Amino acid sequence: MKRIMLSLLTLLLIAPMAMFAQSKTEKFEVKGQCGMCEKRIEKAAKSVEGVTSADWNLETKMLVVTFDDTKTQLDNIQKAIAKAGHDNGKHKAPDEVYDKLPGCCKYDRSDVKKE
């Protein structure tokens, strides 16, 4: 009986905290060319605290990312992806990082503005 009461009390204390977590899903373009790019982009996005999922589509070049907006912002995710070598809607990858990507991962950068 004590164990049941303790379990219920714990549940009642934890449940309200879960209600405050804000899960948000965003979709944006990320430049890339191949399966290695997909792994790198998704890994970079998931490295940001608060990101729960990231799925980049090779055909559409779109990343769908789900994250807790109380822990991170979309801008932080886009910066992490740029640091990994992939231009996106808001951030351009540093040239020195892009230059180190394998040849199959090089994409057209002519339409990306520099920050």
Protein backbone atom coordinates (compact mmCIF):
# COMPACT_ATOMS: atom_id res chain seq x y z
CA MET A 1 0.00 0.00 0.00
CA LYS A 2 2.84 2.36 0.88
CA ARG A 3 4.46 1.64 -2.47
CA ILE A 4 1.25 2.44 -4.36
CA MET A 5 0.75 5.71 -2.50
CA LEU A 6 4.37 6.71 -3.11
CA SER A 7 4.02 5.91 -6.82
CA LEU A 8 0.85 7.97 -7.10
CA LEU A 9 2.43 10.89 -5.28
CA THR A 10 5.46 10.78 -7.57
CA LEU A 11 3.20 10.69 -10.63
CA LEU A 12 1.23 13.69 -9.40
CA LEU A 13 4.43 15.68 -8.90
CA ILE A 14 5.97 14.81 -12.27
CA ALA A 15 2.87 15.18 -14.49
CA PRO A 16 2.59 19.00 -14.24
CA MET A 17 6.23 19.41 -15.30
CA ALA A 18 5.58 17.47 -18.51
CA MET A 19 2.73 19.83 -19.36
CA PHE A 20 5.10 22.81 -19.53
CA ALA A 21 7.40 21.25 -22.13
CA GLN A 22 6.64 22.81 -25.52
CA SER A 23 7.27 20.55 -28.48
CA LYS A 24 7.56 22.44 -31.74
CA THR A 25 8.06 21.15 -35.28
CA GLU A 26 9.65 23.28 -38.01
CA LYS A 27 10.57 22.61 -41.64
CA PHE A 28 13.30 24.41 -43.59
CA GLU A 29 15.68 23.91 -46.50
CA VAL A 30 19.19 22.58 -45.92
CA LYS A 31 21.66 22.22 -48.79
CA GLY A 32 23.11 18.76 -49.38
CA GLN A 33 23.65 16.12 -52.05
CA CYS A 34 23.80 12.56 -50.73
CA GLY A 35 23.24 10.05 -47.94
CA MET A 36 26.38 11.17 -46.12
CA CYS A 37 24.95 14.69 -46.07
CA GLU A 38 21.72 13.33 -44.61
CA LYS A 39 23.56 11.66 -41.74
CA ARG A 40 25.69 14.76 -41.08
CA ILE A 41 22.71 17.16 -41.16
CA GLU A 42 20.55 15.01 -38.89
CA LYS A 43 23.45 14.41 -36.48
CA ALA A 44 24.18 18.15 -36.27
CA ALA A 45 20.53 18.96 -35.59
CA LYS A 46 20.21 16.25 -32.95
CA SER A 47 23.38 17.48 -31.21
CA VAL A 48 21.47 20.57 -30.06
CA GLU A 49 19.97 20.10 -26.61
CA GLY A 50 16.19 19.93 -26.82
CA VAL A 51 15.99 18.44 -30.33
CA THR A 52 13.98 15.23 -30.25
CA SER A 53 13.95 14.34 -33.95
CA ALA A 54 15.43 15.45 -37.25
CA ASP A 55 14.65 14.06 -40.70
CA TRP A 56 16.26 15.46 -43.86
CA ASN A 57 14.80 14.52 -47.24
CA LEU A 58 17.38 14.13 -50.03
CA GLU A 59 14.88 14.84 -52.82
CA THR A 60 13.26 17.96 -51.38
CA LYS A 61 16.32 19.18 -49.41
CA MET A 62 13.94 19.91 -46.52
CA LEU A 63 14.65 19.17 -42.86
CA VAL A 64 11.78 18.51 -40.47
CA VAL A 65 12.96 19.02 -36.90
CA THR A 66 11.06 18.64 -33.64
CA PHE A 67 12.38 20.32 -30.52
CA ASP A 68 11.49 21.61 -27.07
CA ASP A 69 11.32 25.38 -27.49
CA THR A 70 11.94 25.90 -23.78
CA LYS A 71 15.43 24.41 -24.29
CA THR A 72 16.46 25.74 -27.71
CA GLN A 73 15.45 27.92 -30.63
CA LEU A 74 15.30 27.20 -34.35
CA ASP A 75 18.21 29.58 -34.91
CA ASN A 76 20.49 27.43 -32.70
CA ILE A 77 19.64 24.35 -34.74
CA GLN A 78 20.33 26.15 -38.01
CA LYS A 79 23.69 27.40 -36.68
CA ALA A 80 24.73 23.86 -35.67
CA ILE A 81 23.89 22.58 -39.15
CA ALA A 82 25.88 25.39 -40.77
CA LYS A 83 28.87 24.60 -38.53
CA ALA A 84 28.69 21.03 -39.88
CA GLY A 85 29.09 22.37 -43.44
CA HIS A 86 25.54 22.79 -44.72
CA ASP A 87 23.97 26.08 -45.77
CA ASN A 88 20.37 26.59 -44.74
CA GLY A 89 17.73 29.30 -44.91
CA LYS A 90 19.34 31.50 -42.31
CA HIS A 91 23.01 30.54 -41.99
CA LYS A 92 25.85 29.88 -44.41
CA ALA A 93 28.44 27.25 -43.56
CA PRO A 94 31.96 28.59 -43.02
CA ASP A 95 33.98 28.20 -46.25
CA GLU A 96 36.73 26.25 -44.48
CA VAL A 97 34.20 23.68 -43.23
CA TYR A 98 32.41 23.43 -46.59
CA ASP A 99 35.76 22.97 -48.37
CA LYS A 100 36.52 19.90 -46.19
CA LEU A 101 33.29 18.09 -47.17
CA PRO A 102 33.75 15.02 -49.41
CA GLY A 103 33.37 15.73 -53.14
CA CYS A 104 29.96 14.03 -53.34
CA CYS A 105 28.66 16.40 -50.66
CA LYS A 106 29.53 19.65 -52.47
CA TYR A 107 26.41 21.56 -53.46
CA ASP A 108 25.78 24.77 -55.41
CA ARG A 109 26.38 27.75 -53.12
CA SER A 110 25.79 30.53 -55.67
CA ASP A 111 22.34 31.46 -54.33
CA VAL A 112 23.27 31.67 -50.63
CA LYS A 113 23.87 35.06 -49.08
CA LYS A 114 26.91 35.50 -46.85
CA GLU A 115 26.50 36.60 -43.26
